C-alpha atoms as a PDB file:
ATOM      1  CA  MET A   1      -2.927   9.152  32.040  1.00  0.00           C
ATOM      2  CA  ALA A   2      -1.655   5.565  32.012  1.00  0.00           C
ATOM      3  CA  SER A   3      -1.770   3.463  28.858  1.00  0.00           C
ATOM      4  CA  ILE A   4      -4.578   0.831  28.602  1.00  0.00           C
ATOM      5  CA  SER A   5      -3.991  -2.312  26.712  1.00  0.00           C
ATOM      6  CA  LYS A   6      -6.944  -3.310  24.513  1.00  0.00           C
ATOM      7  CA  THR A   7      -7.706  -5.553  21.570  1.00  0.00           C
ATOM      8  CA  LEU A   8      -9.039  -3.318  18.820  1.00  0.00           C
ATOM      9  CA  CYS A   9      -9.491  -3.215  15.084  1.00  0.00           C
ATOM     10  CA  ILE A  10      -7.552  -0.272  13.731  1.00  0.00           C
ATOM     11  CA  LEU A  11      -8.581   1.203  10.383  1.00  0.00           C
ATOM     12  CA  PHE A  12      -6.835   3.744   8.198  1.00  0.00           C
ATOM     13  CA  ALA A  13      -8.577   5.341   5.235  1.00  0.00           C
ATOM     14  CA  ASP A  14      -7.136   8.037   2.989  1.00  0.00           C
ATOM     15  CA  VAL A  15      -8.302   9.880  -0.096  1.00  0.00           C
ATOM     16  CA  SER A  16      -6.443   8.535  -3.081  1.00  0.00           C
ATOM     17  CA  GLY A  17      -4.598  10.864  -5.357  1.00  0.00           C
ATOM     18  CA  SER A  18      -5.153  14.002  -3.305  1.00  0.00           C
ATOM     19  CA  THR A  19      -1.910  15.589  -4.646  1.00  0.00           C
ATOM     20  CA  THR A  20      -3.254  15.383  -8.168  1.00  0.00           C
ATOM     21  CA  LEU A  21      -6.590  16.692  -6.911  1.00  0.00           C
ATOM     22  CA  TYR A  22      -4.943  19.862  -5.565  1.00  0.00           C
ATOM     23  CA  GLU A  23      -2.980  20.352  -8.791  1.00  0.00           C
ATOM     24  CA  LYS A  24      -6.074  20.075 -11.015  1.00  0.00           C
ATOM     25  CA  LEU A  25      -8.744  21.719  -8.860  1.00  0.00           C
ATOM     26  CA  GLY A  26      -6.812  24.301  -6.909  1.00  0.00           C
ATOM     27  CA  ASP A  27      -6.513  24.513  -3.137  1.00  0.00           C
ATOM     28  CA  ALA A  28     -10.005  25.667  -2.194  1.00  0.00           C
ATOM     29  CA  GLU A  29     -12.008  23.221  -4.340  1.00  0.00           C
ATOM     30  CA  ALA A  30      -9.674  20.321  -3.601  1.00  0.00           C
ATOM     31  CA  LEU A  31      -9.796  20.975   0.168  1.00  0.00           C
ATOM     32  CA  HIS A  32     -13.594  21.044   0.024  1.00  0.00           C
ATOM     33  CA  ALA A  33     -13.636  17.739  -1.904  1.00  0.00           C
ATOM     34  CA  VAL A  34     -11.279  16.073   0.582  1.00  0.00           C
ATOM     35  CA  GLU A  35     -13.227  17.335   3.588  1.00  0.00           C
ATOM     36  CA  ARG A  36     -16.448  15.991   2.109  1.00  0.00           C
ATOM     37  CA  CYS A  37     -14.887  12.563   1.899  1.00  0.00           C
ATOM     38  CA  ILE A  38     -13.484  12.783   5.428  1.00  0.00           C
ATOM     39  CA  ASN A  39     -16.884  13.824   6.816  1.00  0.00           C
ATOM     40  CA  ARG A  40     -18.559  10.903   5.160  1.00  0.00           C
ATOM     41  CA  MET A  41     -16.011   8.496   6.600  1.00  0.00           C
ATOM     42  CA  LYS A  42     -16.428  10.030  10.067  1.00  0.00           C
ATOM     43  CA  ARG A  43     -20.227   9.481   9.951  1.00  0.00           C
ATOM     44  CA  VAL A  44     -19.750   5.887   8.774  1.00  0.00           C
ATOM     45  CA  THR A  45     -17.393   5.284  11.696  1.00  0.00           C
ATOM     46  CA  ASP A  46     -19.920   6.557  14.201  1.00  0.00           C
ATOM     47  CA  GLY A  47     -22.666   4.462  12.627  1.00  0.00           C
ATOM     48  CA  HIS A  48     -20.652   1.226  13.084  1.00  0.00           C
ATOM     49  CA  LYS A  49     -19.791   1.707  16.778  1.00  0.00           C
ATOM     50  CA  GLY A  50     -16.349   3.002  15.919  1.00  0.00           C
ATOM     51  CA  ARG A  51     -14.338   6.015  17.100  1.00  0.00           C
ATOM     52  CA  VAL A  52     -12.335   8.401  14.978  1.00  0.00           C
ATOM     53  CA  VAL A  53      -8.929   8.648  16.690  1.00  0.00           C
ATOM     54  CA  LYS A  54      -7.686  11.463  14.460  1.00  0.00           C
ATOM     55  CA  THR A  55      -7.613  12.887  10.979  1.00  0.00           C
ATOM     56  CA  ILE A  56      -4.266  13.707   9.357  1.00  0.00           C
ATOM     57  CA  GLY A  57      -4.701  15.742   6.172  1.00  0.00           C
ATOM     58  CA  ASP A  58      -6.569  13.424   3.782  1.00  0.00           C
ATOM     59  CA  GLU A  59      -6.466  10.415   6.136  1.00  0.00           C
ATOM     60  CA  VAL A  60      -8.789   9.055   8.871  1.00  0.00           C
ATOM     61  CA  MET A  61      -7.600   6.763  11.656  1.00  0.00           C
ATOM     62  CA  ALA A  62     -10.426   4.978  13.469  1.00  0.00           C
ATOM     63  CA  VAL A  63     -10.817   2.099  15.903  1.00  0.00           C
ATOM     64  CA  PHE A  64     -13.628  -0.510  16.178  1.00  0.00           C
ATOM     65  CA  PRO A  65     -14.494  -3.124  18.818  1.00  0.00           C
ATOM     66  CA  ASP A  66     -14.106  -6.034  16.427  1.00  0.00           C
ATOM     67  CA  ALA A  67     -13.151  -6.954  12.866  1.00  0.00           C
ATOM     68  CA  ASP A  68     -16.751  -7.387  11.718  1.00  0.00           C
ATOM     69  CA  ALA A  69     -17.581  -3.735  12.591  1.00  0.00           C
ATOM     70  CA  ALA A  70     -14.403  -2.504  10.882  1.00  0.00           C
ATOM     71  CA  MET A  71     -15.054  -4.437   7.737  1.00  0.00           C
ATOM     72  CA  GLN A  72     -18.670  -3.320   7.484  1.00  0.00           C
ATOM     73  CA  ALA A  73     -17.575   0.279   8.069  1.00  0.00           C
ATOM     74  CA  ALA A  74     -14.843  -0.036   5.398  1.00  0.00           C
ATOM     75  CA  CYS A  75     -17.321  -1.291   2.813  1.00  0.00           C
ATOM     76  CA  ASP A  76     -19.784   1.465   3.743  1.00  0.00           C
ATOM     77  CA  MET A  77     -17.066   4.090   3.378  1.00  0.00           C
ATOM     78  CA  GLN A  78     -16.166   2.826  -0.071  1.00  0.00           C
ATOM     79  CA  GLN A  79     -19.774   2.841  -1.156  1.00  0.00           C
ATOM     80  CA  ARG A  80     -20.496   6.320   0.140  1.00  0.00           C
ATOM     81  CA  ILE A  81     -17.419   7.779  -1.526  1.00  0.00           C
ATOM     82  CA  ASP A  82     -18.220   5.918  -4.764  1.00  0.00           C
ATOM     83  CA  ASP A  83     -21.695   7.492  -4.644  1.00  0.00           C
ATOM     84  CA  LEU A  84     -20.192  10.966  -4.847  1.00  0.00           C
ATOM     85  CA  PRO A  85     -20.456  12.604  -8.295  1.00  0.00           C
ATOM     86  CA  PRO A  86     -17.226  13.488 -10.076  1.00  0.00           C
ATOM     87  CA  ILE A  87     -15.766  16.883  -9.229  1.00  0.00           C
ATOM     88  CA  SER A  88     -14.633  18.742 -12.361  1.00  0.00           C
ATOM     89  CA  GLY A  89     -14.364  15.296 -14.039  1.00  0.00           C
ATOM     90  CA  ILE A  90     -12.385  13.735 -11.212  1.00  0.00           C
ATOM     91  CA  LYS A  91     -13.876  10.708  -9.472  1.00  0.00           C
ATOM     92  CA  MET A  92     -13.150  10.603  -5.713  1.00  0.00           C
ATOM     93  CA  ALA A  93     -11.795   7.377  -4.265  1.00  0.00           C
ATOM     94  CA  VAL A  94     -10.329   6.143  -0.995  1.00  0.00           C
ATOM     95  CA  ARG A  95      -8.011   3.301  -0.024  1.00  0.00           C
ATOM     96  CA  ILE A  96      -8.453   1.431   3.251  1.00  0.00           C
ATOM     97  CA  GLY A  97      -6.495  -0.977   5.428  1.00  0.00           C
ATOM     98  CA  PHE A  98      -7.471  -2.472   8.758  1.00  0.00           C
ATOM     99  CA  HIS A  99      -6.016  -4.921  11.315  1.00  0.00           C
ATOM    100  CA  TYR A 100      -7.365  -6.491  14.494  1.00  0.00           C
ATOM    101  CA  GLY A 101      -4.969  -6.988  17.366  1.00  0.00           C
ATOM    102  CA  PRO A 102      -3.579  -5.709  20.684  1.00  0.00           C
ATOM    103  CA  ALA A 103      -2.999  -1.963  21.055  1.00  0.00           C
ATOM    104  CA  LEU A 104      -2.215   0.679  23.668  1.00  0.00           C
ATOM    105  CA  GLU A 105      -4.722   3.495  24.240  1.00  0.00           C
ATOM    106  CA  GLU A 106      -3.565   6.653  25.932  1.00  0.00           C
ATOM    107  CA  ASP A 107      -5.207  10.118  26.015  1.00  0.00           C
ATOM    108  CA  GLY A 108      -7.485   9.151  23.164  1.00  0.00           C
ATOM    109  CA  ASP A 109      -4.683   8.075  20.882  1.00  0.00           C
ATOM    110  CA  VAL A 110      -3.815   4.462  19.949  1.00  0.00           C
ATOM    111  CA  TYR A 111      -0.331   3.016  19.617  1.00  0.00           C
ATOM    112  CA  GLY A 112       1.443  -0.289  19.007  1.00  0.00           C
ATOM    113  CA  ASP A 113       2.288  -2.954  16.463  1.00  0.00           C
ATOM    114  CA  SER A 114      -1.279  -3.351  15.335  1.00  0.00           C
ATOM    115  CA  VAL A 115      -1.465   0.298  14.430  1.00  0.00           C
ATOM    116  CA  ASN A 116       1.686   0.005  12.360  1.00  0.00           C
ATOM    117  CA  ILE A 117       0.357  -3.064  10.542  1.00  0.00           C
ATOM    118  CA  ALA A 118      -2.979  -1.334   9.738  1.00  0.00           C
ATOM    119  CA  ALA A 119      -1.205   1.727   8.387  1.00  0.00           C
ATOM    120  CA  ARG A 120       1.065  -0.500   6.260  1.00  0.00           C
ATOM    121  CA  LEU A 121      -1.928  -2.367   4.858  1.00  0.00           C
ATOM    122  CA  ALA A 122      -3.576   0.928   3.956  1.00  0.00           C
ATOM    123  CA  GLY A 123      -0.390   1.893   2.170  1.00  0.00           C
ATOM    124  CA  LEU A 124      -0.571  -1.281   0.092  1.00  0.00           C
ATOM    125  CA  ALA A 125      -4.186  -0.654  -0.993  1.00  0.00           C
ATOM    126  CA  LYS A 126      -4.998   0.896  -4.345  1.00  0.00           C
ATOM    127  CA  ALA A 127      -7.810   3.412  -4.995  1.00  0.00           C
ATOM    128  CA  SER A 128     -11.199   1.971  -4.084  1.00  0.00           C
ATOM    129  CA  GLN A 129      -9.595  -1.093  -2.500  1.00  0.00           C
ATOM    130  CA  ILE A 130      -9.811  -2.508   1.061  1.00  0.00           C
ATOM    131  CA  ILE A 131      -6.905  -4.578   2.428  1.00  0.00           C
ATOM    132  CA  THR A 132      -6.703  -6.518   5.629  1.00  0.00           C
ATOM    133  CA  SER A 133      -4.572  -9.250   7.266  1.00  0.00           C
ATOM    134  CA  GLY A 134      -5.006 -12.973   7.486  1.00  0.00           C
ATOM    135  CA  GLU A 135      -5.079 -12.677  11.284  1.00  0.00           C
ATOM    136  CA  THR A 136      -8.029 -10.304  10.964  1.00  0.00           C
ATOM    137  CA  VAL A 137      -9.905 -12.437   8.464  1.00  0.00           C
ATOM    138  CA  ALA A 138      -9.667 -15.354  10.846  1.00  0.00           C
ATOM    139  CA  THR A 139     -11.704 -13.386  13.445  1.00  0.00           C
ATOM    140  CA  LEU A 140     -14.446 -12.404  10.994  1.00  0.00           C
ATOM    141  CA  SER A 141     -17.830 -14.073  11.024  1.00  0.00           C
ATOM    142  CA  PRO A 142     -18.119 -16.890   8.425  1.00  0.00           C
ATOM    143  CA  LEU A 143     -20.446 -14.787   6.239  1.00  0.00           C
ATOM    144  CA  LEU A 144     -18.015 -11.865   6.033  1.00  0.00           C
ATOM    145  CA  GLN A 145     -15.082 -14.191   5.410  1.00  0.00           C
ATOM    146  CA  GLN A 146     -16.804 -15.205   2.138  1.00  0.00           C
ATOM    147  CA  SER A 147     -16.327 -11.623   0.921  1.00  0.00           C
ATOM    148  CA  THR A 148     -12.546 -11.694   1.090  1.00  0.00           C
ATOM    149  CA  ARG A 149      -9.831 -13.208  -1.046  1.00  0.00           C
ATOM    150  CA  ASP A 150      -6.256 -14.151  -0.408  1.00  0.00           C
ATOM    151  CA  LEU A 151      -3.840 -11.940  -2.241  1.00  0.00           C
ATOM    152  CA  ASP A 152      -0.299 -12.758  -1.051  1.00  0.00           C
ATOM    153  CA  ALA A 153       2.105 -12.795   1.816  1.00  0.00           C
ATOM    154  CA  LEU A 154       4.082  -9.540   2.084  1.00  0.00           C
ATOM    155  CA  SER A 155       6.845  -8.406   4.351  1.00  0.00           C
ATOM    156  CA  VAL A 156       6.040  -5.530   6.726  1.00  0.00           C
ATOM    157  CA  LYS A 157       8.652  -3.298   8.233  1.00  0.00           C
ATOM    158  CA  GLY A 158       9.344  -4.368  11.831  1.00  0.00           C
ATOM    159  CA  LYS A 159       7.867  -7.885  11.333  1.00  0.00           C
ATOM    160  CA  SER A 160      10.201 -10.845  11.036  1.00  0.00           C
ATOM    161  CA  ALA A 161       7.635 -13.011   9.256  1.00  0.00           C
ATOM    162  CA  ASP A 162       5.554 -12.172   6.202  1.00  0.00           C
ATOM    163  CA  ILE A 163       1.860 -11.163   6.757  1.00  0.00           C
ATOM    164  CA  LYS A 164      -0.906 -12.780   4.815  1.00  0.00           C
ATOM    165  CA  VAL A 165      -2.784 -10.077   2.932  1.00  0.00           C
ATOM    166  CA  PHE A 166      -6.453 -10.281   1.930  1.00  0.00           C
ATOM    167  CA  GLU A 167      -8.674  -8.032  -0.135  1.00  0.00           C
ATOM    168  CA  VAL A 168     -12.246  -7.255   0.943  1.00  0.00           C
ATOM    169  CA  LEU A 169     -14.672  -7.533  -1.955  1.00  0.00           C
ATOM    170  CA  TRP A 170     -17.065  -4.730  -1.233  1.00  0.00           C
ATOM    171  CA  GLN A 171     -18.519  -4.199  -4.760  1.00  0.00           C
ATOM    172  CA  GLU A 172     -21.299  -6.613  -5.371  1.00  0.00           C
ATOM    173  CA  THR A 173     -20.662  -7.340  -9.038  1.00  0.00           C
ATOM    174  CA  THR A 174     -20.655 -10.601 -10.878  1.00  0.00           C
ATOM    175  CA  ASP A 175     -16.962 -10.259 -11.583  1.00  0.00           C
ATOM    176  CA  LEU A 176     -15.946  -9.880  -7.947  1.00  0.00           C
ATOM    177  CA  THR A 177     -18.320 -12.582  -6.720  1.00  0.00           C
ATOM    178  CA  MET A 178     -16.645 -15.021  -9.070  1.00  0.00           C
ATOM    179  CA  LYS A 179     -13.217 -14.032  -7.856  1.00  0.00           C
ATOM    180  CA  ALA A 180     -13.898 -14.602  -4.167  1.00  0.00           C
ATOM    181  CA  PRO A 181     -13.500 -18.400  -4.086  1.00  0.00           C
ATOM    182  CA  SER A 182     -10.789 -18.484  -6.696  1.00  0.00           C
ATOM    183  CA  ILE A 183      -7.560 -20.352  -5.952  1.00  0.00           C
ATOM    184  CA  VAL A 184      -4.259 -18.567  -6.337  1.00  0.00           C
ATOM    185  CA  ALA A 185      -2.398 -19.922  -9.305  1.00  0.00           C
ATOM    186  CA  PRO A 186       0.698 -21.983  -8.672  1.00  0.00           C
ATOM    187  CA  ARG A 187       3.819 -19.818  -8.504  1.00  0.00           C
ATOM    188  CA  PRO A 188       6.832 -20.388 -10.651  1.00  0.00           C
ATOM    189  CA  GLN A 189       9.566 -22.260  -8.884  1.00  0.00           C
ATOM    190  CA  SER A 190      12.639 -20.552 -10.309  1.00  0.00           C
ATOM    191  CA  ALA A 191      11.938 -16.835 -10.719  1.00  0.00           C
ATOM    192  CA  ARG A 192      15.060 -14.834 -11.443  1.00  0.00           C
ATOM    193  CA  LEU A 193      15.762 -11.104 -11.803  1.00  0.00           C
ATOM    194  CA  THR A 194      18.721  -9.795 -13.777  1.00  0.00           C
ATOM    195  CA  VAL A 195      19.823  -6.286 -12.926  1.00  0.00           C
ATOM    196  CA  ASN A 196      22.291  -4.263 -15.032  1.00  0.00           C
ATOM    197  CA  PHE A 197      23.694  -1.010 -13.735  1.00  0.00           C
ATOM    198  CA  GLN A 198      26.796   0.925 -14.840  1.00  0.00           C
ATOM    199  CA  GLY A 199      28.425  -2.121 -16.377  1.00  0.00           C
ATOM    200  CA  MET A 200      27.614  -4.392 -13.392  1.00  0.00           C
ATOM    201  CA  GLU A 201      25.194  -7.338 -13.581  1.00  0.00           C
ATOM    202  CA  VAL A 202      23.548  -8.848 -10.525  1.00  0.00           C
ATOM    203  CA  VAL A 203      21.148 -11.837 -10.444  1.00  0.00           C
ATOM    204  CA  LEU A 204      18.546 -12.146  -7.717  1.00  0.00           C
ATOM    205  CA  ASP A 205      16.780 -15.401  -6.961  1.00  0.00           C
ATOM    206  CA  ALA A 206      15.967 -17.665  -4.008  1.00  0.00           C
ATOM    207  CA  ASN A 207      19.673 -17.791  -3.116  1.00  0.00           C
ATOM    208  CA  ARG A 208      20.480 -14.061  -3.349  1.00  0.00           C
ATOM    209  CA  ASN A 209      17.267 -12.438  -2.303  1.00  0.00           C
ATOM    210  CA  ARG A 210      18.046  -8.740  -1.740  1.00  0.00           C
ATOM    211  CA  ILE A 211      20.119  -5.844  -3.064  1.00  0.00           C
ATOM    212  CA  THR A 212      20.392  -2.258  -1.843  1.00  0.00           C
ATOM    213  CA  LEU A 213      20.799   0.815  -4.009  1.00  0.00           C
ATOM    214  CA  GLY A 214      21.940   4.324  -3.181  1.00  0.00           C
ATOM    215  CA  ARG A 215      24.804   6.897  -2.949  1.00  0.00           C
ATOM    216  CA  ASP A 216      26.405   5.410   0.119  1.00  0.00           C
ATOM    217  CA  ILE A 217      29.292   3.054  -0.636  1.00  0.00           C
ATOM    218  CA  SER A 218      27.799   0.423   1.706  1.00  0.00           C
ATOM    219  CA  ASN A 219      25.112  -0.302  -0.893  1.00  0.00           C
ATOM    220  CA  ASP A 220      25.339  -3.284  -3.229  1.00  0.00           C
ATOM    221  CA  LEU A 221      24.986  -0.932  -6.219  1.00  0.00           C
ATOM    222  CA  VAL A 222      26.299   2.617  -5.689  1.00  0.00           C
ATOM    223  CA  VAL A 223      24.456   5.397  -7.539  1.00  0.00           C
ATOM    224  CA  LYS A 224      26.754   8.322  -8.198  1.00  0.00           C
ATOM    225  CA  ASP A 225      24.078  10.983  -8.540  1.00  0.00           C
ATOM    226  CA  GLN A 226      23.305  13.768  -6.059  1.00  0.00           C
ATOM    227  CA  ARG A 227      19.600  13.358  -6.671  1.00  0.00           C
ATOM    228  CA  ALA A 228      19.786   9.859  -5.292  1.00  0.00           C
ATOM    229  CA  SER A 229      19.533   9.299  -1.503  1.00  0.00           C
ATOM    230  CA  ARG A 230      22.308   7.623   0.445  1.00  0.00           C
ATOM    231  CA  THR A 231      19.969   4.641   1.112  1.00  0.00           C
ATOM    232  CA  HIS A 232      17.668   5.100  -1.868  1.00  0.00           C
ATOM    233  CA  ALA A 233      15.908   1.810  -2.542  1.00  0.00           C
ATOM    234  CA  ARG A 234      16.166  -1.948  -2.322  1.00  0.00           C
ATOM    235  CA  ILE A 235      14.927  -4.876  -4.295  1.00  0.00           C
ATOM    236  CA  GLU A 236      13.672  -7.932  -2.446  1.00  0.00           C
ATOM    237  CA  TYR A 237      12.749 -11.478  -3.523  1.00  0.00           C
ATOM    238  CA  ARG A 238       9.441 -12.439  -1.892  1.00  0.00           C
ATOM    239  CA  ARG A 239       7.568 -15.655  -2.674  1.00  0.00           C
ATOM    240  CA  ASP A 240       8.812 -15.738  -6.234  1.00  0.00           C
ATOM    241  CA  LYS A 241       8.206 -12.055  -6.820  1.00  0.00           C
ATOM    242  CA  PHE A 242      10.651  -9.149  -6.948  1.00  0.00           C
ATOM    243  CA  VAL A 243       9.602  -6.049  -5.086  1.00  0.00           C
ATOM    244  CA  LEU A 244      11.113  -2.593  -5.503  1.00  0.00           C
ATOM    245  CA  VAL A 245      10.958  -0.616  -2.229  1.00  0.00           C
ATOM    246  CA  ASP A 246      11.587   3.142  -2.284  1.00  0.00           C
ATOM    247  CA  GLN A 247      13.242   4.743   0.765  1.00  0.00           C
ATOM    248  CA  SER A 248      14.335   8.009  -0.785  1.00  0.00           C
ATOM    249  CA  THR A 249      13.727  11.725  -0.644  1.00  0.00           C
ATOM    250  CA  ASN A 250      13.248  12.380  -4.357  1.00  0.00           C
ATOM    251  CA  GLY A 251      11.457   9.155  -5.330  1.00  0.00           C
ATOM    252  CA  THR A 252      12.209   6.112  -7.468  1.00  0.00           C
ATOM    253  CA  PHE A 253      11.075   6.284 -11.116  1.00  0.00           C
ATOM    254  CA  LEU A 254       9.928   2.918 -12.475  1.00  0.00           C
ATOM    255  CA  ARG A 255       9.123   2.240 -16.082  1.00  0.00           C
ATOM    256  CA  VAL A 256       7.988  -1.184 -17.173  1.00  0.00           C
ATOM    257  CA  GLU A 257       8.547  -1.653 -20.901  1.00  0.00           C
ATOM    258  CA  GLY A 258       5.478  -0.605 -22.829  1.00  0.00           C
ATOM    259  CA  GLU A 259       3.859   1.124 -19.822  1.00  0.00           C
ATOM    260  CA  THR A 260       3.738   4.654 -18.405  1.00  0.00           C
ATOM    261  CA  GLU A 261       6.414   5.555 -15.889  1.00  0.00           C
ATOM    262  CA  VAL A 262       5.397   5.682 -12.207  1.00  0.00           C
ATOM    263  CA  VAL A 263       7.042   7.411  -9.263  1.00  0.00           C
ATOM    264  CA  LEU A 264       7.373   5.531  -5.962  1.00  0.00           C
ATOM    265  CA  LYS A 265       7.692   7.691  -2.831  1.00  0.00           C
ATOM    266  CA  ARG A 266       8.062   5.504   0.237  1.00  0.00           C
ATOM    267  CA  GLU A 267       6.087   2.914  -1.674  1.00  0.00           C
ATOM    268  CA  GLU A 268       6.579  -0.498  -3.163  1.00  0.00           C
ATOM    269  CA  SER A 269       5.972  -2.071  -6.594  1.00  0.00           C
ATOM    270  CA  ILE A 270       6.303  -5.573  -7.985  1.00  0.00           C
ATOM    271  CA  LEU A 271       8.808  -5.729 -10.842  1.00  0.00           C
ATOM    272  CA  ARG A 272       7.419  -7.337 -14.000  1.00  0.00           C
ATOM    273  CA  ALA A 273       8.820  -8.277 -17.398  1.00  0.00           C
ATOM    274  CA  ARG A 274      11.612  -5.793 -18.131  1.00  0.00           C
ATOM    275  CA  GLY A 275      12.146  -2.076 -17.697  1.00  0.00           C
ATOM    276  CA  THR A 276      14.237   0.725 -16.192  1.00  0.00           C
ATOM    277  CA  ILE A 277      14.600   2.427 -12.826  1.00  0.00           C
ATOM    278  CA  GLY A 278      15.737   6.002 -12.227  1.00  0.00           C
ATOM    279  CA  PHE A 279      16.969   7.305  -8.877  1.00  0.00           C
ATOM    280  CA  GLY A 280      15.552  10.680  -8.015  1.00  0.00           C
ATOM    281  CA  HIS A 281      14.835  11.511 -11.658  1.00  0.00           C
ATOM    282  CA  SER A 282      12.882  10.258 -14.596  1.00  0.00           C
ATOM    283  CA  ALA A 283      14.132   7.272 -16.436  1.00  0.00           C
ATOM    284  CA  MET A 284      13.317   9.248 -19.586  1.00  0.00           C
ATOM    285  CA  GLU A 285      16.009  11.887 -18.998  1.00  0.00           C
ATOM    286  CA  PRO A 286      18.967  11.716 -21.296  1.00  0.00           C
ATOM    287  CA  GLU A 287      22.379  10.798 -19.894  1.00  0.00           C
ATOM    288  CA  SER A 288      20.892   9.682 -16.581  1.00  0.00           C
ATOM    289  CA  GLN A 289      22.128   6.686 -14.590  1.00  0.00           C
ATOM    290  CA  LEU A 290      19.539   3.980 -15.132  1.00  0.00           C
ATOM    291  CA  LEU A 291      19.163   0.516 -13.752  1.00  0.00           C
ATOM    292  CA  ARG A 292      17.829  -1.982 -16.265  1.00  0.00           C
ATOM    293  CA  PHE A 293      16.032  -5.119 -15.074  1.00  0.00           C
ATOM    294  CA  GLU A 294      14.476  -8.258 -16.518  1.00  0.00           C
ATOM    295  CA  VAL A 295      12.343 -10.831 -14.755  1.00  0.00           C
ATOM    296  CA  VAL A 296      12.633 -14.420 -15.974  1.00  0.00           C
ATOM    297  CA  ASP A 297      10.095 -16.919 -14.631  1.00  0.00           C
END
């Protein structure tokens, strides 16, 4: 069957923290909890004139005729999952991303740049959050536009220019209503990141805006540890922020001073204040090769 070019709104929604869910509940109970969420999201899709393209584990991919339908479905999904009672003390949550644009439809599946952007936006969302693009917000009806707020411009793999990212404010609380019209605070003009690793110091700023890290000697900083990947991670300067991007097999362990360590696996995180980074292992392990960083505004 030949591919058909269409303009669609592509939506990805996945159950947040499903790995932890399986660890705490066991396979059978966790699978039941995830399937319950998936089924609710499928019903919401049908109710908003959408179509479920496929489900992949704990994720739903759906398409809608326009951005309004996708946004309303996304809000409905969040509300219906939020209505679920906790399971063994664990509150279920989903994260959603959607984007409106040209796509290719073939044999029921959907392909193209718009699909990649939607998937990337879903990956940026946190639990119980809905993320969309500025291009999509521009096509929303004026009333729905009022329920979004500008977050930032972020780089997306495969795109030469940054994409404006917006959050959909689906919870009707006083706090969120007040945030909607807020203006993004002015950004510092001379942010600088100092990186120290194995006796080397590197400074990132508007002039030097990227470093790569990994075992391969082609990297800016070479990590001599078999747990590190050849191309393990990179740090980028984006709009006066420094973003750590994991590209590894074993993950990048980030610990901001005074906070709990987090593990990035094909994910990104903004670097704040000062802290340490471990490559394929915890930054808390003794005698491990650690990168130390400090952000100066």
